Each structure stands twice: as structure tokens, then as C-alpha cells.
């Protein structure tokens, strides 16, 4: 290659702007697991930290079933949060065993861990989750969640002292995921354990999950919330059709239950429950996609799916 040709090639590459975007010196990036017993507020905390809804929430345990990534990008750091299922002390089905396995495997792949308990006291289930952590771990931060519900603020100090006796936490941060309190302080503690690195994800990205996945989870969330204690845990959602244009989206979904009697509960009197689930889910999905959405939800029975390995793989719980 002649000198002139070499100069022309360099000029072309320069015009293509192929250089890596600059990041500040000392920029940090890493993975952060959020763990705790069921229904302690892990998903609510992650959603609050990210500022977007990446994980569904309800008052029922076992709401989160998958490992969900949520990304927060600041000027000096990118946090990749992993929302894990609540660890179950009684492994009664294949689904729960797989959820517990997800928690265990996540802990081996992260740079920092946020362990979440409620700000009133330790419970036996909290101690069971604590057993998953190596005693010599130096990267575990305790988040005392739901401080907005605590009537006695002075009780936090003895709780913090008792917590340090149970495990050598790197830091303890009282927070309220619901009210957004002390979240910047929590991020600062987490950042200390992130390695110096360029961002792993585009700064505009806030989750690794597809719109189809998020739509299915939204439908499941509405079912959990609307049916309350009536709804059995054996419910899953499939997306059977997804047709999308710039103007709108057409979605047909299946809400899977384990028994015929469960199907009647989900449908409700004259179909009222199912219509309301669909209406609420449609509104959230339309907001997520930023366009008009047509949503149709059908209820189907698949007996014993939560304890069937083949069915779990088909439904995405692998």
C-alpha cells in the first residue's frame, strides 16, 4: 500500500467515527445481585433504583420467577442489577427448585450483593437466605427496606448492631424503595465494589428483557394483583401472537392455569375478572411500547405445569 493510499484509508476510517465513546477516568461498571426472602421488596427496590419498571411487583410471594437485568447508568458508573426470585425454604415443586437454583447461581457471578430485609426485624426466612452467602464475603451490603413503615426510628440502631453480629456486612443502609429514600446512598456503597471498566450496556438501555417478555410479565402481574388470595400460584403467561407496526401492536396471550377450577376463578363472573386483567395490562403495555395496543387474553388449563420439567422449559422457566 502506498503512502497516499494509507493516508486515504485513515481519512475514511476517521470519517466513519469508529472510535469507542470516551468514558470518564475511573468509570466503574459491574453486576449487582439483589437477594432476600420472598415479598421483602426486592423488585420494588430495583424499579426505584432504575427509575423504570423492569420487574413486576405484587404483595404475593413468588412474583419474580426469573433473573431479570436492570441497568442504571450514571456519570461515573453503570450498575447492572440482577433481580432474583425470593429464596424459598421449602422446595415443593420443580418451579421453586429452579427459582432457588437461579438465586444460588447468580451469587457466583456478581461484583456486589444487596441483601434486603425489612427494617423492623430479622425473620427466620431472612436467616435461611443469609446461609447462601460465604462468611468471608466482603461485598455484601444490607438494605433495611420499608423504613417508611417504621414507627420507631430509634429501633434501627439496635437492628443494625444485631445485623453486624449475624454477618460482616460491608455497609448497612436504611432505605425505602416505595418512597425513594436513601437510594443514592445505597448506590454509593455499591459503587465501591464495581471494577473500573467501560459500560457493558448502552447508556439508554434499562433492561435486557424483550418487549414480549415484559408484556407477558405485565399480564401476570395484573392477574396476581386483581385476583389476590383467590389466585393459585400455578399461573403463567405465553405470548401466542405478536404483530407490531409503527402505529400499533396486536397481541394474543395465553394465561396458563393448572386446574379447571382455577380457570373459572381467573375468568370471573361473566368474564369480568379476565376483562379487567386485560384492560389494566393493555394500558401498561401501551405505555411501555408508546403506541396503541390491541390485547386479547385467553385462559388455558395445563395440568401440573409447575412441577413438569418439560412444561417449564416450554414456558421459559429453564
Protein backbone atom coordinates (compact mmCIF):
# COMPACT_ATOMS: atom_id res chain seq x y z
CA UNK A 1 0.00 0.00 0.00
CA UNK A 2 1.40 3.40 -0.98
CA UNK A 3 1.71 6.27 1.46
CA UNK A 4 -1.09 8.10 -0.35
CA UNK A 5 -3.40 5.06 -0.16
CA UNK A 6 -2.63 4.66 3.54
CA UNK A 7 -3.45 8.32 4.20
CA UNK A 8 -6.75 7.95 2.30
CA UNK A 9 -7.69 4.85 4.33
CA UNK A 10 -7.01 6.61 7.63
CA UNK A 11 -9.12 9.55 6.49
CA UNK A 12 -12.01 7.22 5.60
CA UNK A 13 -11.87 5.47 8.98
CA UNK A 14 -11.81 8.83 10.73
CA UNK A 15 -14.89 9.96 8.84
CA UNK A 16 -16.72 6.79 9.87
CA UNK A 17 -16.25 7.76 13.54
CA UNK A 18 -15.40 4.22 14.66
CA UNK A 19 -13.71 5.28 17.87
CA UNK A 20 -15.04 3.98 21.19
CA UNK A 21 -17.09 6.59 23.09
CA UNK A 22 -14.97 8.17 25.79
CA UNK A 23 -15.81 7.45 29.42
CA UNK A 24 -14.50 9.38 32.42
CA UNK A 25 -11.31 8.17 34.01
CA UNK A 26 -12.08 5.77 36.85
CA UNK A 27 -15.51 4.84 35.42
CA UNK A 28 -16.88 1.71 37.09
CA UNK A 29 -19.23 -0.99 35.88
CA UNK A 30 -20.37 -4.29 37.32
CA UNK A 31 -23.12 -6.72 38.23
CA UNK A 32 -25.11 -6.42 41.45
CA UNK A 33 -27.37 -9.15 42.84
CA UNK A 34 -30.38 -8.19 44.92
CA UNK A 35 -31.42 -11.08 47.16
CA UNK A 36 -33.77 -11.70 50.06
CA UNK A 37 -36.75 -13.73 51.16
CA UNK A 38 -39.99 -13.58 49.16
CA UNK A 39 -42.06 -10.39 49.31
CA UNK A 40 -39.40 -8.28 51.03
CA UNK A 41 -39.43 -5.60 48.31
CA UNK A 42 -36.53 -6.60 46.03
CA UNK A 43 -38.33 -5.87 42.76
CA UNK A 44 -39.72 -2.58 44.08
CA UNK A 45 -36.20 -1.57 45.11
CA UNK A 46 -34.72 -2.36 41.70
CA UNK A 47 -37.51 -0.50 39.90
CA UNK A 48 -36.92 2.51 42.16
CA UNK A 49 -33.14 2.47 41.60
CA UNK A 50 -33.55 2.24 37.83
CA UNK A 51 -36.42 4.68 37.53
CA UNK A 52 -38.24 2.29 35.17
CA UNK A 53 -40.39 -0.77 35.69
CA UNK A 54 -38.27 -3.80 34.82
CA UNK A 55 -39.65 -6.31 37.32
CA UNK A 56 -43.27 -6.90 38.24
CA UNK A 57 -44.44 -6.47 41.81
CA UNK A 58 -47.30 -7.66 43.98
CA UNK A 59 -47.94 -8.48 47.62
CA UNK A 60 -47.79 -12.20 46.85
CA UNK A 61 -44.56 -14.17 47.29
CA UNK A 62 -43.06 -15.84 44.19
CA UNK A 63 -43.98 -12.89 41.97
CA UNK A 64 -40.47 -12.74 40.46
CA UNK A 65 -39.59 -16.08 38.85
CA UNK A 66 -36.72 -15.21 36.51
CA UNK A 67 -33.39 -13.47 36.76
CA UNK A 68 -34.10 -10.01 35.35
CA UNK A 69 -31.42 -7.47 34.46
CA UNK A 70 -31.94 -3.77 35.09
CA UNK A 71 -29.35 -1.17 34.12
CA UNK A 72 -28.61 2.17 35.79
CA UNK A 73 -26.06 4.44 34.09
CA UNK A 74 -24.65 7.42 35.97
CA UNK A 75 -21.86 9.83 35.02
CA UNK A 76 -19.23 7.78 36.84
CA UNK A 77 -20.66 4.26 36.93
CA UNK A 78 -23.00 1.74 35.36
CA UNK A 79 -24.85 -0.64 37.68
CA UNK A 80 -26.24 -3.86 36.22
CA UNK A 81 -28.79 -5.10 38.74
CA UNK A 82 -29.95 -8.70 38.82
CA UNK A 83 -33.41 -9.14 40.33
CA UNK A 84 -33.64 -12.67 41.69
CA UNK A 85 -36.62 -14.74 42.81
CA UNK A 86 -37.26 -14.77 46.54
CA UNK A 87 -35.45 -17.75 48.01
CA UNK A 88 -37.91 -20.45 49.10
CA UNK A 89 -37.06 -22.54 52.18
CA UNK A 90 -39.48 -25.30 51.14
CA UNK A 91 -38.78 -26.61 47.65
CA UNK A 92 -42.17 -28.11 46.89
CA UNK A 93 -42.13 -28.09 43.08
CA UNK A 94 -39.79 -28.07 40.10
CA UNK A 95 -40.59 -24.38 39.58
CA UNK A 96 -39.48 -23.43 43.11
CA UNK A 97 -36.35 -25.58 42.84
CA UNK A 98 -35.40 -23.81 39.62
CA UNK A 99 -36.05 -20.42 41.21
CA UNK A 100 -33.76 -21.29 44.13
CA UNK A 101 -31.09 -22.54 41.73
CA UNK A 102 -31.27 -19.18 39.95
CA UNK A 103 -30.54 -17.38 43.24
CA UNK A 104 -27.55 -19.59 44.02
CA UNK A 105 -26.02 -19.30 40.55
CA UNK A 106 -26.45 -15.53 40.49
CA UNK A 107 -24.37 -15.06 43.64
CA UNK A 108 -21.35 -16.61 41.96
CA UNK A 109 -21.38 -14.17 39.03
CA UNK A 110 -21.68 -10.70 40.57
CA UNK A 111 -19.40 -7.99 41.89
CA UNK A 112 -21.64 -6.89 44.76
CA UNK A 113 -24.66 -8.17 46.65
CA UNK A 114 -27.53 -6.20 48.17
CA UNK A 115 -29.21 -8.28 50.87
CA UNK A 116 -32.71 -6.95 51.61
CA UNK A 117 -34.66 -7.36 54.85
CA UNK A 118 -37.46 -5.30 56.36
CA UNK A 119 -36.47 -2.50 58.70
CA UNK A 120 -38.37 -3.88 61.70
CA UNK A 121 -36.58 -7.16 62.44
CA UNK A 122 -34.89 -10.29 61.14
CA UNK A 123 -37.20 -13.19 60.35
CA UNK A 124 -36.36 -16.91 60.18
CA UNK A 125 -36.70 -16.82 56.38
CA UNK A 126 -34.11 -13.99 56.23
CA UNK A 127 -31.64 -16.16 58.11
CA UNK A 128 -32.19 -19.02 55.66
CA UNK A 129 -31.24 -16.74 52.76
CA UNK A 130 -28.24 -15.48 54.71
CA UNK A 131 -26.89 -19.03 54.76
CA UNK A 132 -26.37 -18.78 50.99
CA UNK A 133 -23.59 -16.21 51.49
CA UNK A 134 -19.99 -17.23 52.28
CA UNK A 135 -19.00 -15.93 55.71
CA UNK A 136 -15.83 -14.41 54.24
CA UNK A 137 -17.71 -12.40 51.58
CA UNK A 138 -16.61 -8.74 51.65
CA UNK A 139 -19.03 -7.35 49.07
CA UNK A 140 -22.42 -7.71 50.78
CA UNK A 141 -24.45 -4.60 51.65
CA UNK A 142 -27.50 -4.86 53.89
CA UNK A 143 -30.51 -2.77 52.83
CA UNK A 144 -33.06 -2.25 55.60
CA UNK A 145 -36.15 -1.72 53.45
CA UNK A 146 -39.58 -0.23 54.22
CA UNK A 147 -38.27 2.39 56.66
CA UNK A 148 -41.34 4.44 55.77
CA UNK A 149 -43.39 1.89 57.73
CA UNK A 150 -41.21 2.06 60.84
CA UNK A 151 -42.85 3.97 63.67
CA UNK A 152 -39.74 3.99 65.85
CA UNK A 153 -36.65 5.29 64.06
CA UNK A 154 -34.50 4.69 67.13
CA UNK A 155 -35.08 0.94 66.72
CA UNK A 156 -32.89 0.96 63.60
CA UNK A 157 -29.67 1.35 65.59
CA UNK A 158 -30.06 -1.86 67.65
CA UNK A 159 -31.20 -3.67 64.48
CA UNK A 160 -28.06 -2.54 62.68
CA UNK A 161 -25.88 -3.67 65.59
CA UNK A 162 -27.63 -7.06 65.70
CA UNK A 163 -27.21 -7.41 61.95
CA UNK A 164 -23.44 -7.00 62.17
CA UNK A 165 -23.36 -9.84 64.68
CA UNK A 166 -25.12 -12.10 62.18
CA UNK A 167 -22.84 -11.30 59.23
CA UNK A 168 -19.87 -8.99 58.47
CA UNK A 169 -21.76 -6.67 56.12
CA UNK A 170 -19.63 -4.15 54.23
CA UNK A 171 -22.29 -1.49 54.91
CA UNK A 172 -25.85 -1.14 56.20
CA UNK A 173 -28.17 1.34 54.51
CA UNK A 174 -31.76 2.00 55.70
CA UNK A 175 -33.92 2.64 52.62
CA UNK A 176 -37.49 2.98 51.47
CA UNK A 177 -37.93 1.61 47.97
CA UNK A 178 -41.55 2.76 47.98
CA UNK A 179 -40.65 6.38 48.87
CA UNK A 180 -37.24 6.51 47.18
CA UNK A 181 -35.35 7.29 50.39
CA UNK A 182 -31.58 6.75 50.76
CA UNK A 183 -31.24 5.24 47.28
CA UNK A 184 -28.28 7.47 46.21
CA UNK A 185 -26.50 6.44 49.42
CA UNK A 186 -27.09 2.79 48.57
CA UNK A 187 -25.65 3.27 45.09
CA UNK A 188 -22.54 4.92 46.53
CA UNK A 189 -21.90 1.92 48.75
CA UNK A 190 -22.39 -0.46 45.83
CA UNK A 191 -20.05 1.52 43.57
CA UNK A 192 -17.11 0.77 45.86
CA UNK A 193 -17.20 -2.86 44.71
CA UNK A 194 -17.59 -2.30 40.97
CA UNK A 195 -14.40 -2.75 38.91
CA UNK A 196 -13.08 0.01 36.69
CA UNK A 197 -14.47 -0.72 33.24
CA UNK A 198 -16.21 0.74 30.23
CA UNK A 199 -20.03 0.35 30.31
CA UNK A 200 -21.33 -3.11 29.47
CA UNK A 201 -24.56 -1.75 28.02
CA UNK A 202 -25.71 1.25 26.02
CA UNK A 203 -26.44 4.13 28.46
CA UNK A 204 -30.02 4.39 27.13
CA UNK A 205 -30.79 0.74 27.90
CA UNK A 206 -32.55 -0.03 31.18
CA UNK A 207 -33.28 -3.77 30.82
CA UNK A 208 -32.13 -6.77 28.79
CA UNK A 209 -35.64 -8.18 28.55
CA UNK A 210 -37.62 -8.06 25.29
CA UNK A 211 -40.96 -6.25 24.93
CA UNK A 212 -42.65 -9.66 24.53
CA UNK A 213 -41.29 -10.81 27.87
CA UNK A 214 -42.27 -7.56 29.57
CA UNK A 215 -45.79 -7.80 28.12
CA UNK A 216 -46.23 -11.35 29.40
CA UNK A 217 -44.98 -10.34 32.86
CA UNK A 218 -47.35 -7.36 32.88
CA UNK A 219 -50.33 -9.65 32.28
CA UNK A 220 -49.17 -11.98 35.06
CA UNK A 221 -48.75 -9.02 37.43
CA UNK A 222 -52.30 -7.82 36.80
CA UNK A 223 -53.64 -11.33 37.42
CA UNK A 224 -51.74 -11.53 40.71
CA UNK A 225 -52.91 -8.12 41.84
CA UNK A 226 -56.52 -8.36 40.75
CA UNK A 227 -57.27 -11.85 41.99
CA UNK A 228 -55.41 -11.56 45.28
CA UNK A 229 -55.73 -14.62 47.51
CA UNK A 230 -58.13 -16.26 45.04
CA UNK A 231 -55.36 -16.86 42.53
CA UNK A 232 -53.32 -20.04 42.92
CA UNK A 233 -49.58 -19.80 42.34
CA UNK A 234 -49.75 -22.10 39.31
CA UNK A 235 -50.22 -19.39 36.70
CA UNK A 236 -48.02 -18.49 33.74
CA UNK A 237 -48.39 -16.38 30.60
CA UNK A 238 -47.45 -17.12 27.00
CA UNK A 239 -47.43 -14.73 24.05
CA UNK A 240 -49.13 -16.62 21.23
CA UNK A 241 -49.16 -13.83 18.65
CA UNK A 242 -47.23 -10.56 18.36
CA UNK A 243 -47.84 -8.30 15.39
CA UNK A 244 -46.39 -4.79 15.57
CA UNK A 245 -46.27 -1.75 13.31
CA UNK A 246 -45.28 1.87 13.89
CA UNK A 247 -48.90 2.69 14.71
CA UNK A 248 -49.85 -0.17 17.00
CA UNK A 249 -49.46 -3.72 18.21
CA UNK A 250 -51.75 -6.75 18.20
CA UNK A 251 -51.04 -9.23 20.99
CA UNK A 252 -52.76 -12.52 21.76
CA UNK A 253 -51.71 -14.10 25.06
CA UNK A 254 -52.48 -17.27 26.96
CA UNK A 255 -52.90 -17.27 30.73
CA UNK A 256 -52.00 -20.80 31.84
CA UNK A 257 -53.52 -22.37 34.98
CA UNK A 258 -53.22 -25.86 36.45
CA UNK A 259 -56.86 -26.83 37.07
CA UNK A 260 -60.30 -26.28 35.57
CA UNK A 261 -61.45 -24.76 38.87
CA UNK A 262 -58.62 -22.20 38.59
CA UNK A 263 -59.79 -21.26 35.11
CA UNK A 264 -63.18 -20.24 36.47
CA UNK A 265 -61.52 -18.07 39.12
CA UNK A 266 -59.43 -16.21 36.56
CA UNK A 267 -62.33 -15.65 34.18
CA UNK A 268 -64.68 -14.49 36.94
CA UNK A 269 -68.41 -13.93 36.82
CA UNK A 270 -69.49 -13.25 33.23
CA UNK A 271 -65.82 -12.84 32.29
CA UNK A 272 -65.42 -9.74 34.46
CA UNK A 273 -62.08 -10.63 36.07
CA UNK A 274 -60.41 -11.55 32.81
CA UNK A 275 -61.65 -8.37 31.09
CA UNK A 276 -60.21 -6.26 33.92
CA UNK A 277 -56.87 -8.09 33.81
CA UNK A 278 -56.73 -7.45 30.07
CA UNK A 279 -57.74 -3.78 30.41
CA UNK A 280 -55.11 -2.98 33.03
CA UNK A 281 -52.39 -4.91 31.21
CA UNK A 282 -53.25 -3.27 27.89
CA UNK A 283 -52.82 0.20 29.39
CA UNK A 284 -49.38 -0.61 30.81
CA UNK A 285 -48.18 -2.34 27.65
CA UNK A 286 -49.33 0.61 25.53
CA UNK A 287 -47.32 2.94 27.77
CA UNK A 288 -44.28 0.66 27.51
CA UNK A 289 -44.44 0.44 23.72
CA UNK A 290 -45.56 4.03 23.19
CA UNK A 291 -48.33 3.03 20.81
CA UNK A 292 -51.90 1.74 20.58
CA UNK A 293 -52.28 -1.90 21.70
CA UNK A 294 -54.95 -4.50 20.97
CA UNK A 295 -54.68 -7.25 23.60
CA UNK A 296 -56.61 -10.50 23.73
CA UNK A 297 -56.08 -12.90 26.66
CA UNK A 298 -57.32 -16.48 26.74
CA UNK A 299 -57.25 -18.82 29.75
CA UNK A 300 -55.97 -22.36 29.20
CA UNK A 301 -55.52 -25.35 31.54
CA UNK A 302 -52.19 -27.18 31.60
CA UNK A 303 -52.33 -29.62 34.46
CA UNK A 304 -49.34 -29.73 36.81
CA UNK A 305 -47.16 -27.43 34.69
CA UNK A 306 -45.28 -26.03 37.71
CA UNK A 307 -43.92 -29.50 38.54
CA UNK A 308 -43.30 -30.64 34.96
CA UNK A 309 -39.71 -30.16 33.71
CA UNK A 310 -40.74 -30.26 30.05
CA UNK A 311 -43.56 -27.77 30.59
CA UNK A 312 -41.27 -25.41 32.50
CA UNK A 313 -38.82 -25.37 29.58
CA UNK A 314 -41.64 -24.69 27.12
CA UNK A 315 -42.86 -21.79 29.28
CA UNK A 316 -39.36 -20.32 29.56
CA UNK A 317 -38.52 -21.31 33.14
CA UNK A 318 -35.30 -23.12 32.25
